[in-house]
Amino acid sequence: MKKKVIALLIASIGAVPALVAYPMMQDSAKQDMKDAGHDTKQATKKAGKGIAKGTKKGAKATVKGTKKGVHKAADATQDGADKVKEKTQ
């Protein structure tokens, strides 16, 4: 009987630090989740800004390339028209 009481006493004494540490572990886990959420938010913002920058750069390149192509086609059309005009004269 004494051994059971001693064992129960030892077990209860061992449980006290765990009961005290449990709320602190919860706060730590809660803060870790907040930190992870904040880090994810920042990474998403950074990625979004990079995508926006790349999109603007690509749009400008597309406009420039399109203008170049239109001018080249117009010049070719004009050259063709000039050749036809010379042949008909």
N, C-alpha and C. Protein backbone atom coordinates (compact mmCIF):
# COMPACT_ATOMS: atom_id res chain seq x y z
N MET A 1 0.82 -1.19 0.00
CA MET A 1 0.00 0.00 0.00
C MET A 1 0.87 1.26 0.00
N LYS A 2 1.96 1.23 0.81
CA LYS A 2 2.86 2.38 0.86
C LYS A 2 3.51 2.62 -0.49
N LYS A 3 3.83 1.53 -1.18
CA LYS A 3 4.48 1.68 -2.49
C LYS A 3 3.54 2.35 -3.49
N LYS A 4 2.25 2.02 -3.43
CA LYS A 4 1.28 2.62 -4.33
C LYS A 4 1.13 4.12 -4.05
N VAL A 5 1.11 4.49 -2.77
CA VAL A 5 0.98 5.89 -2.39
C VAL A 5 2.21 6.66 -2.84
N ILE A 6 3.37 6.08 -2.63
CA ILE A 6 4.62 6.74 -3.04
C ILE A 6 4.67 6.88 -4.56
N ALA A 7 4.27 5.83 -5.26
CA ALA A 7 4.27 5.88 -6.72
C ALA A 7 3.29 6.93 -7.21
N LEU A 8 2.12 7.02 -6.58
CA LEU A 8 1.12 8.02 -6.96
C LEU A 8 1.63 9.43 -6.66
N LEU A 9 2.29 9.60 -5.53
CA LEU A 9 2.87 10.89 -5.17
C LEU A 9 3.95 11.31 -6.15
N ILE A 10 4.81 10.40 -6.52
CA ILE A 10 5.87 10.69 -7.49
C ILE A 10 5.27 11.04 -8.85
N ALA A 11 4.26 10.29 -9.25
CA ALA A 11 3.61 10.56 -10.54
C ALA A 11 2.94 11.93 -10.54
N SER A 12 2.30 12.30 -9.43
CA SER A 12 1.63 13.59 -9.38
C SER A 12 2.65 14.74 -9.34
N ILE A 13 3.76 14.54 -8.66
CA ILE A 13 4.81 15.56 -8.65
C ILE A 13 5.40 15.73 -10.05
N GLY A 14 5.55 14.64 -10.78
CA GLY A 14 6.07 14.71 -12.15
C GLY A 14 5.10 15.39 -13.10
N ALA A 15 3.80 15.34 -12.77
CA ALA A 15 2.79 15.93 -13.65
C ALA A 15 2.70 17.44 -13.48
N VAL A 16 3.13 17.97 -12.34
CA VAL A 16 3.01 19.40 -12.09
C VAL A 16 3.79 20.23 -13.10
N PRO A 17 5.05 19.94 -13.38
CA PRO A 17 5.76 20.75 -14.38
C PRO A 17 5.09 20.69 -15.76
N ALA A 18 4.55 19.54 -16.10
CA ALA A 18 3.87 19.42 -17.39
C ALA A 18 2.62 20.29 -17.43
N LEU A 19 1.89 20.34 -16.31
CA LEU A 19 0.69 21.18 -16.27
C LEU A 19 1.04 22.66 -16.31
N VAL A 20 2.16 23.02 -15.72
CA VAL A 20 2.60 24.41 -15.74
C VAL A 20 3.13 24.77 -17.13
N ALA A 21 3.84 23.87 -17.75
CA ALA A 21 4.45 24.15 -19.06
C ALA A 21 3.43 24.11 -20.18
N TYR A 22 2.32 23.40 -20.01
CA TYR A 22 1.33 23.23 -21.09
C TYR A 22 0.80 24.57 -21.61
N PRO A 23 0.35 25.49 -20.73
CA PRO A 23 -0.12 26.78 -21.27
C PRO A 23 0.97 27.56 -22.00
N MET A 24 2.20 27.47 -21.51
CA MET A 24 3.30 28.16 -22.18
C MET A 24 3.57 27.53 -23.55
N MET A 25 3.43 26.22 -23.64
CA MET A 25 3.63 25.56 -24.94
C MET A 25 2.53 25.96 -25.90
N GLN A 26 1.30 26.15 -25.39
CA GLN A 26 0.20 26.58 -26.25
C GLN A 26 0.48 27.99 -26.79
N ASP A 27 0.94 28.87 -25.91
CA ASP A 27 1.25 30.24 -26.35
C ASP A 27 2.36 30.22 -27.39
N SER A 28 3.33 29.37 -27.19
CA SER A 28 4.43 29.27 -28.13
C SER A 28 3.94 28.77 -29.49
N ALA A 29 3.08 27.76 -29.46
CA ALA A 29 2.53 27.23 -30.71
C ALA A 29 1.66 28.27 -31.39
N LYS A 30 0.90 29.01 -30.59
CA LYS A 30 0.03 30.06 -31.15
C LYS A 30 0.87 31.14 -31.82
N GLN A 31 1.95 31.53 -31.16
CA GLN A 31 2.83 32.55 -31.73
C GLN A 31 3.53 32.03 -32.99
N ASP A 32 3.90 30.76 -32.97
CA ASP A 32 4.52 30.16 -34.15
C ASP A 32 3.56 30.20 -35.34
N MET A 33 2.29 29.93 -35.09
CA MET A 33 1.30 29.97 -36.17
C MET A 33 1.13 31.40 -36.68
N LYS A 34 1.12 32.37 -35.75
CA LYS A 34 1.01 33.77 -36.18
C LYS A 34 2.21 34.17 -37.03
N ASP A 35 3.40 33.75 -36.59
CA ASP A 35 4.61 34.07 -37.34
C ASP A 35 4.59 33.43 -38.72
N ALA A 36 4.13 32.19 -38.78
CA ALA A 36 4.05 31.50 -40.08
C ALA A 36 3.06 32.21 -41.00
N GLY A 37 1.94 32.62 -40.45
CA GLY A 37 0.95 33.35 -41.25
C GLY A 37 1.51 34.67 -41.76
N HIS A 38 2.21 35.38 -40.90
CA HIS A 38 2.81 36.66 -41.30
C HIS A 38 3.86 36.45 -42.40
N ASP A 39 4.69 35.43 -42.23
CA ASP A 39 5.72 35.14 -43.23
C ASP A 39 5.09 34.78 -44.57
N THR A 40 4.01 34.01 -44.52
CA THR A 40 3.31 33.63 -45.75
C THR A 40 2.74 34.87 -46.44
N LYS A 41 2.16 35.75 -45.64
CA LYS A 41 1.59 36.99 -46.19
C LYS A 41 2.67 37.82 -46.87
N GLN A 42 3.80 37.97 -46.22
CA GLN A 42 4.90 38.76 -46.80
C GLN A 42 5.42 38.13 -48.08
N ALA A 43 5.55 36.81 -48.08
CA ALA A 43 6.04 36.12 -49.28
C ALA A 43 5.06 36.29 -50.44
N THR A 44 3.76 36.25 -50.13
CA THR A 44 2.74 36.42 -51.17
C THR A 44 2.81 37.83 -51.75
N LYS A 45 2.95 38.82 -50.88
CA LYS A 45 3.07 40.20 -51.36
C LYS A 45 4.28 40.36 -52.27
N LYS A 46 5.40 39.81 -51.84
CA LYS A 46 6.64 39.93 -52.62
C LYS A 46 6.49 39.26 -53.98
N ALA A 47 5.87 38.08 -53.99
CA ALA A 47 5.67 37.37 -55.25
C ALA A 47 4.73 38.16 -56.16
N GLY A 48 3.68 38.73 -55.58
CA GLY A 48 2.73 39.53 -56.35
C GLY A 48 3.38 40.74 -56.99
N LYS A 49 4.26 41.39 -56.23
CA LYS A 49 4.96 42.56 -56.77
C LYS A 49 5.88 42.16 -57.91
N GLY A 50 6.53 41.00 -57.77
CA GLY A 50 7.40 40.52 -58.84
C GLY A 50 6.61 40.19 -60.10
N ILE A 51 5.45 39.58 -59.91
CA ILE A 51 4.60 39.25 -61.06
C ILE A 51 4.13 40.52 -61.75
N ALA A 52 3.72 41.52 -60.95
CA ALA A 52 3.24 42.78 -61.52
C ALA A 52 4.35 43.46 -62.32
N LYS A 53 5.54 43.45 -61.76
CA LYS A 53 6.67 44.08 -62.45
C LYS A 53 6.97 43.35 -63.77
N GLY A 54 6.97 42.03 -63.73
CA GLY A 54 7.22 41.25 -64.94
C GLY A 54 6.14 41.44 -65.98
N THR A 55 4.90 41.56 -65.53
CA THR A 55 3.78 41.77 -66.45
C THR A 55 3.91 43.11 -67.16
N LYS A 56 4.23 44.15 -66.39
CA LYS A 56 4.40 45.48 -67.00
C LYS A 56 5.54 45.46 -68.01
N LYS A 57 6.64 44.83 -67.63
CA LYS A 57 7.80 44.75 -68.53
C LYS A 57 7.44 44.00 -69.80
N GLY A 58 6.70 42.90 -69.64
CA GLY A 58 6.30 42.11 -70.81
C GLY A 58 5.33 42.87 -71.70
N ALA A 59 4.42 43.63 -71.08
CA ALA A 59 3.46 44.41 -71.86
C ALA A 59 4.17 45.48 -72.68
N LYS A 60 5.15 46.12 -72.06
CA LYS A 60 5.90 47.15 -72.80
C LYS A 60 6.67 46.53 -73.96
N ALA A 61 7.25 45.36 -73.74
CA ALA A 61 7.99 44.69 -74.81
C ALA A 61 7.04 44.27 -75.93
N THR A 62 5.84 43.85 -75.57
CA THR A 62 4.86 43.45 -76.58
C THR A 62 4.44 44.64 -77.43
N VAL A 63 4.19 45.77 -76.77
CA VAL A 63 3.80 46.98 -77.51
C VAL A 63 4.92 47.38 -78.45
N LYS A 64 6.15 47.38 -77.95
CA LYS A 64 7.29 47.76 -78.78
C LYS A 64 7.44 46.82 -79.97
N GLY A 65 7.32 45.51 -79.72
CA GLY A 65 7.44 44.53 -80.80
C GLY A 65 6.32 44.65 -81.81
N THR A 66 5.12 44.93 -81.32
CA THR A 66 3.98 45.09 -82.23
C THR A 66 4.16 46.30 -83.13
N LYS A 67 4.58 47.41 -82.52
CA LYS A 67 4.81 48.63 -83.33
C LYS A 67 5.88 48.38 -84.39
N LYS A 68 6.93 47.71 -83.98
CA LYS A 68 8.02 47.41 -84.92
C LYS A 68 7.50 46.55 -86.08
N GLY A 69 6.68 45.55 -85.73
CA GLY A 69 6.12 44.68 -86.77
C GLY A 69 5.18 45.41 -87.71
N VAL A 70 4.37 46.30 -87.15
CA VAL A 70 3.43 47.07 -87.98
C VAL A 70 4.19 47.98 -88.92
N HIS A 71 5.21 48.66 -88.41
CA HIS A 71 6.00 49.55 -89.25
C HIS A 71 6.72 48.77 -90.36
N LYS A 72 7.24 47.61 -90.00
CA LYS A 72 7.93 46.79 -90.99
C LYS A 72 6.96 46.34 -92.08
N ALA A 73 5.75 45.94 -91.66
CA ALA A 73 4.74 45.51 -92.64
C ALA A 73 4.30 46.68 -93.52
N ALA A 74 4.14 47.85 -92.91
CA ALA A 74 3.74 49.03 -93.68
C ALA A 74 4.81 49.40 -94.70
N ASP A 75 6.08 49.32 -94.29
CA ASP A 75 7.17 49.62 -95.22
C ASP A 75 7.19 48.61 -96.37
N ALA A 76 6.97 47.35 -96.05
CA ALA A 76 6.97 46.33 -97.09
C ALA A 76 5.80 46.55 -98.05
N THR A 77 4.67 46.94 -97.51
CA THR A 77 3.51 47.22 -98.36
C THR A 77 3.79 48.41 -99.27
N GLN A 78 4.39 49.43 -98.69
CA GLN A 78 4.72 50.62 -99.48
C GLN A 78 5.72 50.27 -100.58
N ASP A 79 6.73 49.45 -100.27
CA ASP A 79 7.70 49.03 -101.29
C ASP A 79 7.01 48.26 -102.40
N GLY A 80 6.10 47.39 -102.03
CA GLY A 80 5.36 46.62 -103.03
C GLY A 80 4.52 47.53 -103.91
N ALA A 81 3.87 48.50 -103.28
CA ALA A 81 3.05 49.45 -104.04
C ALA A 81 3.91 50.27 -104.99
N ASP A 82 5.09 50.66 -104.54
CA ASP A 82 6.00 51.42 -105.39
C ASP A 82 6.44 50.59 -106.61
N LYS A 83 6.72 49.31 -106.39
CA LYS A 83 7.15 48.43 -107.49
C LYS A 83 6.01 48.28 -108.51
N VAL A 84 4.81 48.10 -108.01
CA VAL A 84 3.67 47.96 -108.93
C VAL A 84 3.47 49.26 -109.70
N LYS A 85 3.61 50.37 -109.04
CA LYS A 85 3.43 51.67 -109.69
C LYS A 85 4.46 51.87 -110.79
N GLU A 86 5.72 51.46 -110.53
CA GLU A 86 6.77 51.59 -111.54
C GLU A 86 6.50 50.71 -112.75
N LYS A 87 5.98 49.54 -112.51
CA LYS A 87 5.72 48.62 -113.63
C LYS A 87 4.57 49.11 -114.50
N THR A 88 3.64 49.79 -113.90
CA THR A 88 2.49 50.24 -114.69
C THR A 88 2.76 51.54 -115.45
N GLN A 89 3.84 52.19 -115.17
CA GLN A 89 4.12 53.45 -115.87
C GLN A 89 4.88 53.24 -117.14
